[in-house]
C-alpha atoms as a PDB file:
ATOM      1  CA  MET A   1     -53.516 -34.101 -21.134  1.00  0.00           C
ATOM      2  CA  ARG A   2     -50.377 -34.836 -23.090  1.00  0.00           C
ATOM      3  CA  ARG A   3     -50.828 -31.666 -25.049  1.00  0.00           C
ATOM      4  CA  GLU A   4     -50.874 -29.770 -21.588  1.00  0.00           C
ATOM      5  CA  GLN A   5     -47.900 -31.480 -20.360  1.00  0.00           C
ATOM      6  CA  SER A   6     -45.972 -30.835 -23.702  1.00  0.00           C
ATOM      7  CA  GLY A   7     -46.916 -27.119 -23.517  1.00  0.00           C
ATOM      8  CA  ARG A   8     -45.644 -26.878 -19.971  1.00  0.00           C
ATOM      9  CA  ARG A   9     -42.529 -28.409 -20.761  1.00  0.00           C
ATOM     10  CA  ARG A  10     -42.096 -26.215 -23.660  1.00  0.00           C
ATOM     11  CA  ARG A  11     -42.676 -23.117 -21.386  1.00  0.00           C
ATOM     12  CA  GLY A  12     -40.296 -24.372 -18.682  1.00  0.00           C
ATOM     13  CA  ARG A  13     -37.640 -24.807 -21.501  1.00  0.00           C
ATOM     14  CA  ARG A  14     -38.317 -21.400 -22.891  1.00  0.00           C
ATOM     15  CA  VAL A  15     -37.880 -19.724 -19.275  1.00  0.00           C
ATOM     16  CA  LEU A  16     -34.831 -21.917 -18.385  1.00  0.00           C
ATOM     17  CA  LEU A  17     -33.259 -20.542 -21.777  1.00  0.00           C
ATOM     18  CA  SER A  18     -34.201 -17.076 -21.043  1.00  0.00           C
ATOM     19  CA  ILE A  19     -32.618 -17.113 -17.765  1.00  0.00           C
ATOM     20  CA  LEU A  20     -29.530 -18.708 -19.120  1.00  0.00           C
ATOM     21  CA  VAL A  21     -29.188 -16.038 -21.782  1.00  0.00           C
ATOM     22  CA  ILE A  22     -29.713 -13.394 -19.132  1.00  0.00           C
ATOM     23  CA  ILE A  23     -27.083 -14.769 -17.170  1.00  0.00           C
ATOM     24  CA  VAL A  24     -24.670 -14.975 -20.174  1.00  0.00           C
ATOM     25  CA  VAL A  25     -25.299 -11.349 -21.040  1.00  0.00           C
ATOM     26  CA  LEU A  26     -24.860 -10.311 -17.380  1.00  0.00           C
ATOM     27  CA  ILE A  27     -21.380 -12.124 -17.282  1.00  0.00           C
ATOM     28  CA  ILE A  28     -20.104 -10.584 -20.607  1.00  0.00           C
ATOM     29  CA  GLY A  29     -21.180  -7.134 -19.638  1.00  0.00           C
ATOM     30  CA  THR A  30     -19.323  -7.473 -16.432  1.00  0.00           C
ATOM     31  CA  ILE A  31     -16.143  -8.643 -18.055  1.00  0.00           C
ATOM     32  CA  TRP A  32     -16.380  -5.821 -20.655  1.00  0.00           C
ATOM     33  CA  GLY A  33     -17.089  -3.105 -18.036  1.00  0.00           C
ATOM     34  CA  TYR A  34     -14.195  -4.443 -15.773  1.00  0.00           C
ATOM     35  CA  HIS A  35     -11.846  -4.438 -18.924  1.00  0.00           C
ATOM     36  CA  HIS A  36     -13.067  -1.080 -19.899  1.00  0.00           C
ATOM     37  CA  ALA A  37     -12.531   0.434 -16.417  1.00  0.00           C
ATOM     38  CA  THR A  38      -9.083  -0.801 -16.009  1.00  0.00           C
ATOM     39  CA  ALA A  39      -7.807  -0.140 -19.489  1.00  0.00           C
ATOM     40  CA  PRO A  40      -6.431   3.357 -18.817  1.00  0.00           C
ATOM     41  CA  ILE A  41      -4.154   2.202 -15.689  1.00  0.00           C
ATOM     42  CA  ASN A  42      -2.992  -0.779 -17.592  1.00  0.00           C
ATOM     43  CA  LYS A  43      -2.037   1.300 -20.390  1.00  0.00           C
ATOM     44  CA  ALA A  44      -0.182   3.603 -17.994  1.00  0.00           C
ATOM     45  CA  LYS A  45       1.512   0.635 -16.207  1.00  0.00           C
ATOM     46  CA  SER A  46       2.758  -0.700 -19.600  1.00  0.00           C
ATOM     47  CA  GLN A  47       4.096   2.595 -20.783  1.00  0.00           C
ATOM     48  CA  SER A  48       5.798   3.363 -17.485  1.00  0.00           C
ATOM     49  CA  ILE A  49       7.450  -0.049 -17.575  1.00  0.00           C
ATOM     50  CA  SER A  50       8.674   0.369 -21.028  1.00  0.00           C
ATOM     51  CA  MET A  51      10.083   3.987 -20.170  1.00  0.00           C
ATOM     52  CA  ALA A  52      11.962   2.592 -17.127  1.00  0.00           C
ATOM     53  CA  GLU A  53      13.377  -0.198 -19.276  1.00  0.00           C
ATOM     54  CA  LYS A  54      14.506   2.287 -22.011  1.00  0.00           C
ATOM     55  CA  TYR A  55      15.623   5.255 -19.826  1.00  0.00           C
ATOM     56  CA  ALA A  56      16.612   3.875 -16.467  1.00  0.00           C
ATOM     57  CA  GLY A  57      17.844   0.322 -17.534  1.00  0.00           C
ATOM     58  CA  LEU A  58      15.065  -1.547 -15.640  1.00  0.00           C
ATOM     59  CA  LYS A  59      15.747  -5.409 -16.012  1.00  0.00           C
ATOM     60  CA  ARG A  60      12.726  -6.648 -13.858  1.00  0.00           C
ATOM     61  CA  GLU A  61       9.632  -5.046 -12.453  1.00  0.00           C
ATOM     62  CA  THR A  62       8.638  -6.012  -9.025  1.00  0.00           C
ATOM     63  CA  ALA A  63       5.909  -3.473  -8.039  1.00  0.00           C
ATOM     64  CA  PHE A  64       3.855  -0.590  -9.772  1.00  0.00           C
ATOM     65  CA  TYR A  65       2.375   2.325  -7.638  1.00  0.00           C
ATOM     66  CA  TRP A  66       0.093   5.389  -9.003  1.00  0.00           C
ATOM     67  CA  THR A  67      -0.391   8.719  -7.194  1.00  0.00           C
ATOM     68  CA  ASN A  68      -2.506  11.665  -8.039  1.00  0.00           C
ATOM     69  CA  LEU A  69      -1.707  14.482  -5.887  1.00  0.00           C
ATOM     70  CA  ASN A  70      -1.053  17.733  -7.520  1.00  0.00           C
ATOM     71  CA  LYS A  71       0.489  15.850 -10.417  1.00  0.00           C
ATOM     72  CA  THR A  72       0.060  12.239 -11.558  1.00  0.00           C
ATOM     73  CA  TYR A  73       3.205   9.917 -11.133  1.00  0.00           C
ATOM     74  CA  TYR A  74       3.646   6.180 -11.821  1.00  0.00           C
ATOM     75  CA  THR A  75       6.424   4.492  -9.914  1.00  0.00           C
ATOM     76  CA  VAL A  76       7.867   1.199 -11.050  1.00  0.00           C
ATOM     77  CA  ALA A  77      10.022  -0.835  -8.490  1.00  0.00           C
ATOM     78  CA  GLY A  78      12.330  -3.378  -9.412  1.00  0.00           C
ATOM     79  CA  THR A  79      15.960  -4.218 -10.486  1.00  0.00           C
ATOM     80  CA  ASN A  80      18.283  -2.587 -12.988  1.00  0.00           C
ATOM     81  CA  LYS A  81      20.842  -4.095 -15.300  1.00  0.00           C
ATOM     82  CA  GLN A  82      23.404  -3.778 -12.386  1.00  0.00           C
ATOM     83  CA  ASN A  83      21.009  -5.758 -10.170  1.00  0.00           C
ATOM     84  CA  LYS A  84      20.410  -2.931  -7.878  1.00  0.00           C
ATOM     85  CA  SER A  85      17.036  -2.462  -6.418  1.00  0.00           C
ATOM     86  CA  VAL A  86      15.564   0.864  -7.756  1.00  0.00           C
ATOM     87  CA  TYR A  87      12.429   2.948  -8.074  1.00  0.00           C
ATOM     88  CA  VAL A  88      11.651   4.575 -11.232  1.00  0.00           C
ATOM     89  CA  LEU A  89       9.136   7.728 -10.971  1.00  0.00           C
ATOM     90  CA  VAL A  90       7.701   8.367 -14.236  1.00  0.00           C
ATOM     91  CA  PRO A  91       5.485  11.505 -14.376  1.00  0.00           C
ATOM     92  CA  GLN A  92       2.298  11.377 -16.337  1.00  0.00           C
ATOM     93  CA  LYS A  93       3.198  14.632 -18.179  1.00  0.00           C
ATOM     94  CA  GLY A  94       6.283  16.871 -18.709  1.00  0.00           C
ATOM     95  CA  ALA A  95       9.520  16.399 -16.256  1.00  0.00           C
ATOM     96  CA  GLN A  96      12.168  13.826 -16.398  1.00  0.00           C
ATOM     97  CA  LEU A  97      12.220  10.321 -14.815  1.00  0.00           C
ATOM     98  CA  ARG A  98      13.626   9.946 -11.215  1.00  0.00           C
ATOM     99  CA  VAL A  99      15.685   7.068 -10.486  1.00  0.00           C
ATOM    100  CA  LEU A 100      16.049   6.128  -6.862  1.00  0.00           C
ATOM    101  CA  GLN A 101      18.119   3.486  -5.273  1.00  0.00           C
ATOM    102  CA  GLN A 102      15.586   1.671  -2.890  1.00  0.00           C
ATOM    103  CA  SER A 103      18.579   1.273  -0.256  1.00  0.00           C
ATOM    104  CA  ALA A 104      18.776   5.313  -0.203  1.00  0.00           C
ATOM    105  CA  GLY A 105      15.450   5.429   1.584  1.00  0.00           C
ATOM    106  CA  LEU A 106      12.487   3.927   3.289  1.00  0.00           C
ATOM    107  CA  THR A 107      10.799   0.860   1.907  1.00  0.00           C
ATOM    108  CA  ARG A 108       6.963   0.760   1.333  1.00  0.00           C
ATOM    109  CA  ASN A 109       6.857  -1.666   4.383  1.00  0.00           C
ATOM    110  CA  GLN A 110       8.903   0.480   6.804  1.00  0.00           C
ATOM    111  CA  VAL A 111       6.683   3.590   5.846  1.00  0.00           C
ATOM    112  CA  LEU A 112       3.495   1.210   6.508  1.00  0.00           C
ATOM    113  CA  SER A 113       4.822  -0.049   9.781  1.00  0.00           C
ATOM    114  CA  LYS A 114       5.315   3.644  10.774  1.00  0.00           C
ATOM    115  CA  VAL A 115       1.823   4.731  10.054  1.00  0.00           C
ATOM    116  CA  TRP A 116       0.225   1.753  11.649  1.00  0.00           C
ATOM    117  CA  SER A 117       2.471   2.427  14.849  1.00  0.00           C
ATOM    118  CA  GLN A 118       1.835   6.110  14.934  1.00  0.00           C
ATOM    119  CA  ARG A 119      -1.818   6.476  13.579  1.00  0.00           C
ATOM    120  CA  ASN A 120      -3.217   2.936  14.081  1.00  0.00           C
ATOM    121  CA  PRO A 121      -5.515   3.396  11.203  1.00  0.00           C
ATOM    122  CA  LYS A 122      -8.745   1.345  10.520  1.00  0.00           C
ATOM    123  CA  LYS A 123      -7.641   0.514   7.023  1.00  0.00           C
ATOM    124  CA  VAL A 124      -4.736   1.537   4.803  1.00  0.00           C
ATOM    125  CA  LEU A 125      -6.047   2.385   1.173  1.00  0.00           C
ATOM    126  CA  SER A 126      -2.911   3.010  -0.510  1.00  0.00           C
ATOM    127  CA  ALA A 127       1.117   3.552  -0.025  1.00  0.00           C
ATOM    128  CA  ALA A 128       2.877   4.819  -3.041  1.00  0.00           C
ATOM    129  CA  LEU A 129       6.104   6.624  -4.029  1.00  0.00           C
ATOM    130  CA  SER A 130       5.746  10.111  -5.566  1.00  0.00           C
ATOM    131  CA  VAL A 131       6.960  13.675  -5.754  1.00  0.00           C
ATOM    132  CA  PHE A 132       6.074  16.259  -3.120  1.00  0.00           C
ATOM    133  CA  ASN A 133       7.331  19.815  -3.196  1.00  0.00           C
ATOM    134  CA  GLY A 134      10.105  18.619  -5.402  1.00  0.00           C
ATOM    135  CA  GLN A 135      11.376  15.693  -3.438  1.00  0.00           C
ATOM    136  CA  SER A 136      10.606  12.214  -3.442  1.00  0.00           C
ATOM    137  CA  ALA A 137       7.911  11.070  -0.819  1.00  0.00           C
ATOM    138  CA  TRP A 138       5.727   8.215   0.296  1.00  0.00           C
ATOM    139  CA  ILE A 139       2.184   9.174   0.017  1.00  0.00           C
ATOM    140  CA  VAL A 140      -0.129   6.903   2.277  1.00  0.00           C
ATOM    141  CA  SER A 141      -3.837   7.114   2.367  1.00  0.00           C
ATOM    142  CA  TYR A 142      -5.947   5.491   5.085  1.00  0.00           C
ATOM    143  CA  MET A 143      -9.088   5.450   6.997  1.00  0.00           C
ATOM    144  CA  ASN A 144      -8.842   6.425  10.696  1.00  0.00           C
ATOM    145  CA  LYS A 145     -10.746   4.772  13.483  1.00  0.00           C
ATOM    146  CA  LYS A 146     -13.808   7.204  12.952  1.00  0.00           C
ATOM    147  CA  GLY A 147     -13.823   6.103   9.045  1.00  0.00           C
ATOM    148  CA  GLN A 148     -12.538   9.260   7.878  1.00  0.00           C
ATOM    149  CA  LEU A 149     -10.094   9.663   5.095  1.00  0.00           C
ATOM    150  CA  CYS A 150      -6.513  10.728   5.880  1.00  0.00           C
ATOM    151  CA  TYR A 151      -3.141  11.340   4.053  1.00  0.00           C
ATOM    152  CA  GLU A 152       0.234  11.122   5.242  1.00  0.00           C
ATOM    153  CA  THR A 153       3.223  12.209   3.284  1.00  0.00           C
ATOM    154  CA  LEU A 154       6.738  11.107   4.375  1.00  0.00           C
ATOM    155  CA  SER A 155      10.087  11.949   3.020  1.00  0.00           C
ATOM    156  CA  PHE A 156      11.445   8.871   1.102  1.00  0.00           C
ATOM    157  CA  LYS A 157      14.970   9.508   2.561  1.00  0.00           C
ATOM    158  CA  SER A 158      14.474  10.182   6.194  1.00  0.00           C
ATOM    159  CA  GLY A 159      10.890   9.444   6.875  1.00  0.00           C
ATOM    160  CA  LYS A 160       9.987  12.889   8.225  1.00  0.00           C
ATOM    161  CA  LEU A 161       6.454  13.962   8.294  1.00  0.00           C
ATOM    162  CA  LEU A 162       6.149  16.444   5.368  1.00  0.00           C
ATOM    163  CA  GLN A 163       2.367  16.909   5.261  1.00  0.00           C
ATOM    164  CA  LEU A 164      -0.475  15.347   7.172  1.00  0.00           C
ATOM    165  CA  ILE A 165      -4.150  15.781   6.163  1.00  0.00           C
ATOM    166  CA  GLU A 166      -6.764  14.217   8.514  1.00  0.00           C
ATOM    167  CA  ASN A 167     -10.442  13.899   8.768  1.00  0.00           C
ATOM    168  CA  ILE A 168     -11.633  14.475   5.224  1.00  0.00           C
END
């Protein structure tokens, strides 16, 4: 009888050890997968901030946005060496950086308030500063009440609607 109990204990320990090994492997795999999936955007963010510091005199970064309409733009918000609030738009390829004074246009919160009051979306997915038809613009993506994807492009300076794509 003692041998039978001893055998059950060993099997129980093996099962417990197997379960623990599986859990550890799943945790490590999840962490690796997350790191692997976020590495490209983290690299782009780091490079964009470095470029904004070097070429636009950015002293402190407060926000980072990423848009991919016709071209990919990374936008770094922050303060420059003169303690002025700026946006630095960094194209993924080609063109030069754009430096905008935040006071020269609408803020992200103002744009979101406008979209919420006019469209009353179910959920806002993103709001980022980008370039649209050669001018600085806020690109807002959201789900409407029917659960359909919509994009609204608003002028950075005036808030004027530049493009509306609904019900995708």
